[in-house]
Protein backbone atom coordinates (compact mmCIF):
# COMPACT_ATOMS: atom_id res chain seq x y z
CA MET A 1 -31.51 -10.95 33.59
CA TYR A 2 -31.80 -14.47 35.03
CA MET A 3 -34.78 -16.71 35.79
CA THR A 4 -35.13 -20.36 36.74
CA ARG A 5 -36.39 -22.87 34.21
CA LYS A 6 -39.56 -23.28 36.27
CA GLU A 7 -40.26 -19.53 36.26
CA ILE A 8 -39.79 -19.33 32.49
CA PHE A 9 -42.00 -22.40 32.01
CA ASP A 10 -44.78 -20.86 34.15
CA HIS A 11 -44.60 -17.54 32.30
CA ILE A 12 -44.81 -18.94 28.76
CA TRP A 13 -47.69 -21.24 29.71
CA THR A 14 -49.58 -18.34 31.25
CA ARG A 15 -48.88 -15.46 28.82
CA THR A 16 -47.40 -17.28 25.75
CA VAL A 17 -43.79 -16.77 24.62
CA GLN A 18 -44.57 -13.50 22.86
CA GLY A 19 -46.50 -12.15 25.83
CA PHE A 20 -43.63 -13.12 28.16
CA ALA A 21 -41.15 -11.30 25.89
CA GLU A 22 -43.33 -8.17 25.84
CA ASP A 23 -43.82 -8.17 29.63
CA TYR A 24 -40.09 -8.31 30.38
CA ASP A 25 -38.81 -6.37 27.32
CA LEU A 26 -37.00 -9.42 25.92
CA SER A 27 -35.84 -10.20 22.38
CA TYR A 28 -38.50 -12.57 21.02
CA PRO A 29 -36.30 -14.42 18.42
CA LYS A 30 -33.46 -14.90 20.92
CA LEU A 31 -35.92 -15.99 23.62
CA LEU A 32 -37.23 -18.74 21.32
CA LYS A 33 -33.66 -19.90 20.76
CA VAL A 34 -32.94 -20.00 24.52
CA ILE A 35 -36.14 -21.97 25.20
CA LYS A 36 -35.20 -24.51 22.54
CA GLU A 37 -31.61 -24.86 23.75
CA ARG A 38 -32.70 -25.33 27.40
CA ASN A 39 -35.38 -27.91 26.42
CA ILE A 40 -38.25 -25.94 27.96
CA PRO A 41 -41.59 -27.03 26.43
CA LYS A 42 -43.45 -24.15 24.78
CA PRO A 43 -47.12 -23.99 23.76
CA GLU A 44 -48.00 -25.01 20.23
CA ARG A 45 -50.64 -23.20 18.21
CA ARG A 46 -53.53 -25.31 19.44
CA ASP A 47 -52.42 -24.78 23.05
CA LEU A 48 -52.63 -21.01 22.60
CA LEU A 49 -56.44 -21.28 22.57
CA TYR A 50 -56.43 -22.73 26.06
CA ILE A 51 -53.88 -20.19 27.29
CA LYS A 52 -55.71 -17.16 25.89
CA GLN A 53 -59.31 -18.27 26.55
CA GLY A 54 -59.19 -20.88 29.33
CA ASP A 55 -59.05 -20.32 33.05
CA ALA A 56 -56.07 -21.24 35.24
CA GLY A 57 -57.31 -24.78 35.87
CA LEU A 58 -57.72 -25.50 32.16
CA ARG A 59 -54.23 -24.18 31.47
CA MET A 60 -52.77 -26.56 34.01
CA VAL A 61 -54.55 -29.57 32.48
CA HIS A 62 -52.96 -29.01 29.07
CA ARG A 63 -49.52 -28.11 30.40
CA PRO A 64 -46.82 -30.76 29.82
CA LYS A 65 -44.20 -31.78 32.36
CA LEU A 66 -41.03 -29.74 32.64
CA PRO A 67 -37.97 -31.94 32.07
CA GLY A 68 -34.65 -31.32 33.75
CA ASN A 69 -33.79 -29.29 36.84
CA PRO A 70 -36.54 -26.68 37.44
CA LYS A 71 -34.26 -24.55 39.65
CA GLU A 72 -31.52 -24.14 37.03
CA GLU A 73 -31.00 -20.44 36.22
CA VAL A 74 -31.15 -19.25 32.61
CA GLU A 75 -29.91 -15.95 31.22
CA LEU A 76 -32.61 -14.15 29.23
CA PRO A 77 -31.76 -11.91 26.23
CA ARG A 78 -32.79 -8.28 26.53
CA LYS A 79 -33.90 -6.19 23.53
CA LYS A 80 -31.27 -3.97 22.01
CA LYS A 81 -31.81 -0.27 22.55
CA PRO A 82 -32.44 1.95 19.49
CA GLU A 83 -29.10 3.70 19.91
CA GLU A 84 -27.28 0.34 19.93
CA ILE A 85 -29.03 -0.68 16.71
CA ALA A 86 -28.16 2.65 15.10
CA GLN A 87 -24.49 2.26 16.12
CA LYS A 88 -24.38 -1.26 14.68
CA LYS A 89 -25.84 -0.06 11.35
CA GLU A 90 -23.36 2.78 11.23
CA ARG A 91 -20.43 0.43 11.86
CA ARG A 92 -21.67 -1.89 9.11
CA ARG A 93 -22.13 1.03 6.70
CA ARG A 94 -18.60 2.24 7.34
CA ALA A 95 -17.22 -1.27 7.00
CA VAL A 96 -18.92 -1.74 3.62
CA LYS A 97 -18.00 1.75 2.45
CA ASN A 98 -14.33 1.45 3.45
CA LYS A 99 -13.94 -2.13 2.25
CA PRO A 100 -11.42 -2.25 -0.59
CA VAL A 101 -12.54 -3.48 -4.00
CA GLN A 102 -11.80 -7.19 -4.29
CA THR A 103 -11.35 -9.38 -7.31
CA TYR A 104 -11.53 -13.13 -7.75
CA THR A 105 -7.82 -13.37 -6.96
CA VAL A 106 -8.32 -11.90 -3.46
CA THR A 107 -8.89 -14.38 -0.64
CA ILE A 108 -12.10 -13.76 1.32
CA ASP A 109 -12.55 -14.81 4.93
CA PHE A 110 -16.08 -16.09 4.32
CA GLU A 111 -16.99 -17.19 7.85
CA ASN A 112 -16.14 -13.75 9.25
CA HIS A 113 -17.78 -11.92 6.37
CA PRO A 114 -20.77 -9.73 7.42
CA ARG A 115 -23.01 -11.51 4.86
CA TRP A 116 -22.13 -15.02 6.05
CA SER A 117 -24.82 -14.91 8.75
CA SER A 118 -27.47 -13.05 6.71
CA LEU A 119 -27.26 -15.73 4.00
CA GLN A 120 -27.22 -18.66 6.47
CA PHE A 121 -30.19 -20.28 4.67
CA LEU A 122 -27.93 -21.09 1.69
CA ALA A 123 -25.69 -24.13 1.49
CA PRO A 124 -22.05 -23.26 2.34
CA ALA A 125 -20.80 -23.69 -1.24
CA GLU A 126 -23.54 -21.50 -2.73
CA ARG A 127 -23.14 -18.99 0.09
CA LYS A 128 -19.47 -18.54 -0.77
CA ARG A 129 -20.28 -18.02 -4.46
CA VAL A 130 -22.92 -15.41 -3.63
CA ILE A 131 -20.63 -13.54 -1.22
CA ARG A 132 -17.81 -13.50 -3.74
CA GLU A 133 -20.17 -12.14 -6.40
CA THR A 134 -21.47 -9.41 -4.05
CA GLU A 135 -17.89 -8.25 -3.57
CA THR A 136 -17.06 -8.15 -7.27
CA ILE A 137 -20.26 -6.99 -8.98
CA LYS A 138 -19.92 -3.59 -10.67
CA ALA A 139 -22.25 -1.32 -12.59
CA VAL A 140 -20.36 -1.12 -15.88
CA ARG A 141 -22.17 -0.20 -19.08
CA SER A 142 -21.08 -2.88 -21.55
CA GLU A 143 -21.48 -2.70 -25.31
CA LYS A 144 -23.45 -5.97 -25.32
CA LEU A 145 -26.32 -5.76 -22.84
CA HIS A 146 -28.13 -8.68 -21.31
CA PRO A 147 -30.97 -9.68 -23.72
CA VAL A 148 -33.73 -8.52 -21.33
CA ALA A 149 -31.91 -5.24 -20.64
CA ALA A 150 -31.32 -4.77 -24.38
CA ALA A 151 -35.04 -5.27 -25.09
CA LEU A 152 -35.85 -2.71 -22.40
CA LYS A 153 -33.47 -0.21 -24.00
CA GLU A 154 -35.09 -0.71 -27.41
CA LYS A 155 -38.50 0.09 -25.93
CA LEU A 156 -37.07 3.15 -24.19
CA ASP A 157 -35.48 4.41 -27.42
CA ALA A 158 -38.78 3.98 -29.26
CA TRP A 159 -40.57 5.86 -26.49
CA ASN A 160 -38.07 8.74 -26.54
CA ALA A 161 -38.34 8.94 -30.32
CA GLN A 162 -42.12 9.37 -30.15
CA VAL A 163 -41.81 11.96 -27.39
CA SER A 164 -39.32 13.97 -29.43
CA ILE A 165 -41.67 13.92 -32.42
CA ILE A 166 -44.92 14.69 -30.60
CA GLY A 167 -43.33 16.80 -27.87
CA ASN A 168 -45.66 15.72 -25.06
CA GLU A 169 -45.23 12.63 -22.91
CA PHE A 170 -48.92 12.61 -21.95
CA PHE A 171 -50.10 12.09 -25.53
CA VAL A 172 -47.44 9.46 -26.15
CA GLU A 173 -48.61 7.60 -23.02
CA GLN A 174 -52.14 7.38 -24.49
CA GLU A 175 -50.85 5.66 -27.63
CA ALA A 176 -47.95 3.54 -26.36
CA GLY A 177 -47.16 2.91 -22.70
CA LYS A 178 -43.72 3.54 -21.29
CA PRO A 179 -41.76 0.35 -20.41
CA GLU A 180 -43.11 -0.91 -17.07
CA LEU A 181 -39.75 -0.96 -15.28
CA LEU A 182 -39.18 2.67 -16.29
CA GLU A 183 -42.66 4.10 -15.70
CA LEU A 184 -41.70 5.90 -12.48
CA VAL A 185 -38.29 7.27 -13.52
CA SER A 186 -37.26 10.16 -15.73
CA SER A 187 -35.63 9.72 -19.11
CA GLU A 188 -32.33 10.97 -17.66
CA GLN A 189 -32.28 8.26 -14.99
CA ALA A 190 -33.60 5.50 -17.28
CA GLU A 191 -30.11 4.90 -18.64
CA ARG A 192 -28.85 4.35 -15.09
CA VAL A 193 -31.63 1.84 -14.46
CA ILE A 194 -30.72 -0.16 -17.56
CA THR A 195 -27.08 -0.27 -16.50
CA LEU A 196 -28.00 -1.43 -12.99
CA LEU A 197 -30.35 -4.11 -14.34
CA ASP A 198 -27.74 -5.34 -16.81
CA SER A 199 -25.24 -5.95 -13.99
CA LEU A 200 -27.84 -7.60 -11.73
CA TYR A 201 -29.17 -9.84 -14.52
CA ASN A 202 -25.71 -11.11 -15.48
CA SER A 203 -24.70 -11.77 -11.85
CA LEU A 204 -27.94 -13.56 -11.05
CA GLU A 205 -27.68 -15.89 -14.04
CA PHE A 206 -24.06 -16.58 -13.10
CA LEU A 207 -25.33 -17.67 -9.67
CA GLY A 208 -27.96 -20.03 -11.13
CA GLY A 209 -31.02 -17.75 -11.32
CA MET A 210 -33.17 -16.84 -14.32
CA VAL A 211 -34.47 -13.58 -15.79
CA MET A 212 -37.99 -13.55 -17.21
CA GLU A 213 -38.94 -11.57 -20.30
CA ASP A 214 -40.71 -8.92 -18.20
CA GLY A 215 -37.59 -8.43 -16.05
CA THR A 216 -38.81 -10.47 -13.07
CA LEU A 217 -36.12 -12.59 -11.45
CA PHE A 218 -36.65 -16.32 -10.82
CA LEU A 219 -34.50 -17.75 -8.03
CA HIS A 220 -34.82 -20.98 -6.03
CA GLY A 221 -38.28 -21.58 -7.45
CA GLU A 222 -39.58 -18.13 -6.43
CA GLU A 223 -40.32 -14.98 -8.41
CA VAL A 224 -38.55 -11.83 -7.24
CA PRO A 225 -39.91 -8.70 -8.98
CA LEU A 226 -37.82 -5.51 -9.14
CA LYS A 227 -39.19 -1.99 -9.27
CA PHE A 228 -37.37 1.33 -9.74
CA THR A 229 -38.84 4.67 -8.68
CA GLU A 230 -37.45 8.19 -8.72
CA THR A 231 -38.41 10.61 -5.98
CA ARG A 232 -39.97 13.92 -6.91
CA ALA A 233 -39.46 17.34 -5.38
CA ARG A 234 -42.18 19.97 -5.10
CA VAL A 235 -41.24 23.23 -6.84
CA LEU A 236 -43.15 26.40 -7.53
CA ARG A 237 -44.71 26.35 -11.00
CA GLU A 238 -44.24 29.42 -13.14
CA ASP A 239 -47.29 30.97 -14.77
CA THR A 240 -47.80 30.10 -18.41
CA VAL A 241 -49.53 32.02 -21.19
CA LEU A 242 -52.64 29.89 -20.58
CA ASP A 243 -52.67 30.96 -16.92
CA GLU A 244 -52.51 34.61 -17.94
CA VAL A 245 -55.45 34.15 -20.28
CA ARG A 246 -57.52 32.44 -17.57
CA GLY A 247 -56.76 35.18 -15.07
CA ASP A 248 -56.06 34.82 -11.37
CA GLY A 249 -59.44 33.33 -10.44
CA ARG A 250 -57.74 30.24 -8.97
CA LYS A 251 -56.32 31.07 -5.57
CA GLY A 252 -53.45 29.38 -3.83
CA THR A 253 -49.83 28.65 -4.69
CA LYS A 254 -49.29 26.67 -7.87
CA TRP A 255 -46.87 23.78 -7.38
CA THR A 256 -45.49 21.12 -9.63
CA TYR A 257 -43.49 17.98 -8.94
CA GLN A 258 -40.20 17.38 -10.72
CA PHE A 259 -37.93 14.35 -10.71
CA SER A 260 -35.07 14.74 -8.24
CA GLY A 261 -32.59 12.27 -9.75
CA LYS A 262 -32.62 9.98 -6.67
CA LEU A 263 -33.49 6.34 -7.42
CA THR A 264 -35.07 3.75 -5.16
CA LEU A 265 -34.93 0.01 -5.87
CA SER A 266 -37.74 -2.14 -4.44
CA ILE A 267 -37.08 -5.90 -4.23
CA SER A 268 -40.15 -8.14 -4.11
CA HIS A 269 -42.00 -5.49 -2.01
CA LEU A 270 -39.88 -6.66 0.95
CA TYR A 271 -36.67 -4.64 0.77
CA THR A 272 -35.70 -1.23 -0.59
CA LEU A 273 -32.40 0.42 -1.47
CA ARG A 274 -32.05 4.15 -2.09
CA ASP A 275 -29.47 6.49 -3.51
CA ARG A 276 -27.49 8.04 -0.70
CA LYS A 277 -25.58 11.29 -0.73
CA ASN A 278 -22.17 9.62 -0.91
CA GLU A 279 -23.28 6.14 -1.92
CA PRO A 280 -25.43 5.76 -5.06
CA LEU A 281 -27.08 2.50 -6.06
CA GLU A 282 -24.15 1.72 -8.33
CA GLU A 283 -22.04 1.20 -5.19
CA ARG A 284 -24.74 -0.89 -3.45
CA LEU A 285 -25.21 -3.64 -6.04
CA GLY A 286 -23.62 -6.20 -3.70
CA GLU A 287 -26.21 -5.36 -1.09
CA ALA A 288 -28.95 -5.56 -3.73
CA LEU A 289 -27.78 -9.02 -4.78
CA GLU A 290 -27.81 -10.14 -1.15
CA LEU A 291 -31.37 -8.84 -0.65
CA ILE A 292 -32.56 -10.63 -3.81
CA PHE A 293 -31.53 -13.97 -2.32
CA MET A 294 -33.08 -13.03 1.02
CA ALA A 295 -36.35 -12.02 -0.70
CA ALA A 296 -36.57 -15.37 -2.52
CA TYR A 297 -36.01 -17.24 0.74
CA GLN A 298 -38.52 -15.08 2.63
CA THR A 299 -41.19 -15.60 -0.06
CA ALA A 300 -40.72 -19.38 0.05
CA ARG A 301 -40.81 -19.47 3.85
CA THR A 302 -43.97 -17.34 3.98
CA ARG A 303 -45.74 -19.68 1.55
CA THR A 304 -44.63 -22.72 3.57
CA ASP A 305 -45.74 -21.19 6.88
CA ARG A 306 -49.12 -20.28 5.40
CA ARG A 307 -49.62 -23.80 4.06
CA GLU A 308 -48.55 -25.44 7.33
CA GLY A 309 -50.77 -23.08 9.31
CA LEU A 310 -53.75 -23.95 7.12
CA GLU A 311 -53.09 -27.68 7.45
CA GLU A 312 -52.74 -27.37 11.21
CA THR A 313 -55.98 -25.38 11.44
CA GLU A 314 -57.84 -27.97 9.39
CA SER A 315 -56.40 -30.79 11.48
CA PHE A 316 -57.40 -28.99 14.69
CA SER A 317 -60.96 -28.40 13.41
CA ARG A 318 -61.30 -32.03 12.32
CA GLU A 319 -60.07 -33.22 15.71
CA MET A 320 -62.54 -30.94 17.51
CA GLU A 321 -65.43 -32.25 15.38
CA GLN A 322 -64.53 -35.86 16.15
CA THR A 323 -64.22 -35.03 19.84
CA GLU A 324 -67.68 -33.42 19.86
CA SER A 325 -69.08 -36.52 18.16
CA LEU A 326 -67.42 -38.70 20.81
CA LEU A 327 -68.94 -36.59 23.61
CA SER A 328 -72.38 -36.97 22.00
CA LEU A 329 -71.94 -40.76 21.95
CA ALA A 330 -70.95 -40.71 25.61
CA ARG A 331 -74.05 -38.69 26.52
CA ASP A 332 -76.32 -41.16 24.71
CA TYR A 333 -74.59 -44.07 26.43
CA ARG A 334 -75.10 -42.40 29.82
CA ASP A 335 -78.81 -41.89 29.03
CA ALA A 336 -79.14 -45.56 28.03
CA CYS A 337 -77.58 -46.65 31.34
CA GLU A 338 -79.95 -44.38 33.26
CA ILE A 339 -82.97 -45.91 31.44
CA ARG A 340 -81.81 -49.42 32.41
CA ALA A 341 -81.33 -48.26 36.01
CA LEU A 342 -84.83 -46.80 35.89
CA ILE A 343 -86.26 -50.15 34.77
CA LEU A 344 -84.64 -51.90 37.74
CA ALA A 345 -85.89 -49.21 40.12
CA VAL A 346 -89.46 -49.55 38.85
CA GLN A 347 -89.25 -53.33 39.16
CA LYS A 348 -88.24 -53.01 42.82
CA LYS A 349 -91.17 -50.69 43.51
CA LEU A 350 -93.79 -53.08 42.04
CA PRO A 351 -96.53 -53.79 44.65
CA GLY A 352 -97.14 -57.49 45.15
CA ASP A 353 -100.86 -57.04 45.75
CA ASP A 354 -101.64 -55.20 42.48
CA PRO A 355 -102.05 -57.72 39.59
CA ALA A 356 -102.80 -54.96 37.05
CA LYS A 357 -99.42 -53.29 37.57
CA GLN A 358 -97.71 -56.67 37.56
CA GLN A 359 -99.18 -57.35 34.11
CA ARG A 360 -98.32 -53.91 32.64
CA PHE A 361 -94.67 -53.92 33.79
CA PRO A 362 -93.23 -56.53 31.32
CA ASP A 363 -94.56 -54.63 28.27
CA TRP A 364 -93.34 -51.27 29.55
CA ALA A 365 -89.94 -52.71 30.54
CA ALA A 366 -89.49 -54.32 27.11
CA TRP A 367 -90.33 -51.01 25.39
CA ALA A 368 -87.99 -49.02 27.65
CA SER A 369 -85.19 -51.57 27.17
CA GLU A 370 -85.50 -51.26 23.40
CA LYS A 371 -85.19 -47.47 23.68
CA ALA A 372 -82.07 -47.91 25.83
CA ASP A 373 -80.57 -50.23 23.19
CA TRP A 374 -81.56 -47.67 20.53
CA LEU A 375 -79.65 -44.92 22.40
CA ASP A 376 -76.69 -47.14 23.34
CA PRO A 377 -73.91 -46.55 20.72
CA THR A 378 -72.33 -49.90 21.60
CA ILE A 379 -75.53 -51.69 20.41
CA GLY A 380 -77.11 -49.31 17.90
CA LEU A 381 -80.52 -51.01 17.71
CA GLU A 382 -82.73 -49.97 14.79
CA ASP A 383 -86.15 -48.80 16.01
CA PRO A 384 -89.14 -49.62 13.74
CA ILE A 385 -90.45 -46.06 14.09
CA LEU A 386 -87.44 -43.89 14.95
CA GLY A 387 -84.99 -45.71 12.70
CA ARG A 388 -81.31 -46.10 13.60
CA ARG A 389 -79.62 -43.46 15.77
CA HIS A 390 -76.13 -44.98 15.89
CA VAL A 391 -74.09 -47.50 13.95
CA PRO A 392 -72.41 -49.69 16.58
CA ILE A 393 -69.07 -48.08 17.43
CA LEU A 394 -66.97 -51.13 16.61
CA ASN A 395 -68.75 -51.49 13.27
CA SER A 396 -68.13 -47.88 12.13
CA PRO A 397 -64.77 -46.87 10.60
CA VAL A 398 -62.52 -44.55 12.60
CA GLU A 399 -61.61 -41.41 10.66
CA GLU A 400 -57.91 -40.86 10.16
CA THR A 401 -56.55 -37.63 11.56
């Protein structure tokens, strides 16, 4: 799809960039890139108020000039269809699945690696280290666990010991809580979780990150929490002796939920990885390591965007307040000028044959002139009764924006 630069410019200053993308089924991120590359001015946040709320005339007032050739045609990026996205994901899955295991001695073509673009926010040197680690990380249960993983295993062993003595997890939970990272997984899968965490902890520290005592990761100044859950399957519950004693007064099928053995890893509440039929989490640790770096970057960018948006909103509000104050000064100045014009008009209308009116005019004119000077922000006269309305403009400090 092609449009001229002028047509694109008119659309984004009438419907905003996002509205333009929705109207023509365009890819919003790629459209922003095209607009930037072709040097087409786009509305800033404060301009969106005029576009969404103002009429056509007001939009034109705040619209900048379009540089360059307005008739130059630009190719616009269409959205990818769902089937194309699904095919791309399938090709990537097969590429990762069929990729041979590499060691540090194998040469990696980094710039053509599928993770080179997804980790573009990293410096090239760090990006290469991360990609190499994603290709070599393995879930191997070592005799010496990472200190945080070892502490987690000690808590799990203590928990299992109490359960074996008491025989009921519910009563043990009342006395001593299960380790937080293992609360939503069964005892059978807890060992898998510890092995996965041990590998991730060691790789992250090798890449310059830190592991907190509670298992939270600390990377590039941002916290990245991990959470493991195990899905549950609904199965028919068999009647117990207690059910037989109670009788069949309770109607309906009795169901219970049992752990299914399938783990899900949640990374900073932004990304999730699940056990697949032919690809368990142990084979997806490289992808998990990649998503950890992406989560840290996304968290930092979100905080920065929120802070910049707040600062821009405050700046806009402050500018609007100062503008309203300026308009108020202009109105008072206009009123002062009209009072002075009124004095001259009255003077011209004075009858020459009426001495009484001739005598009253000087006093009235002096009083009216003082009120004009009191309203005039360039003079700012202090009235003995009304006080001071304005500090003279050139005497008052200008607020910095």
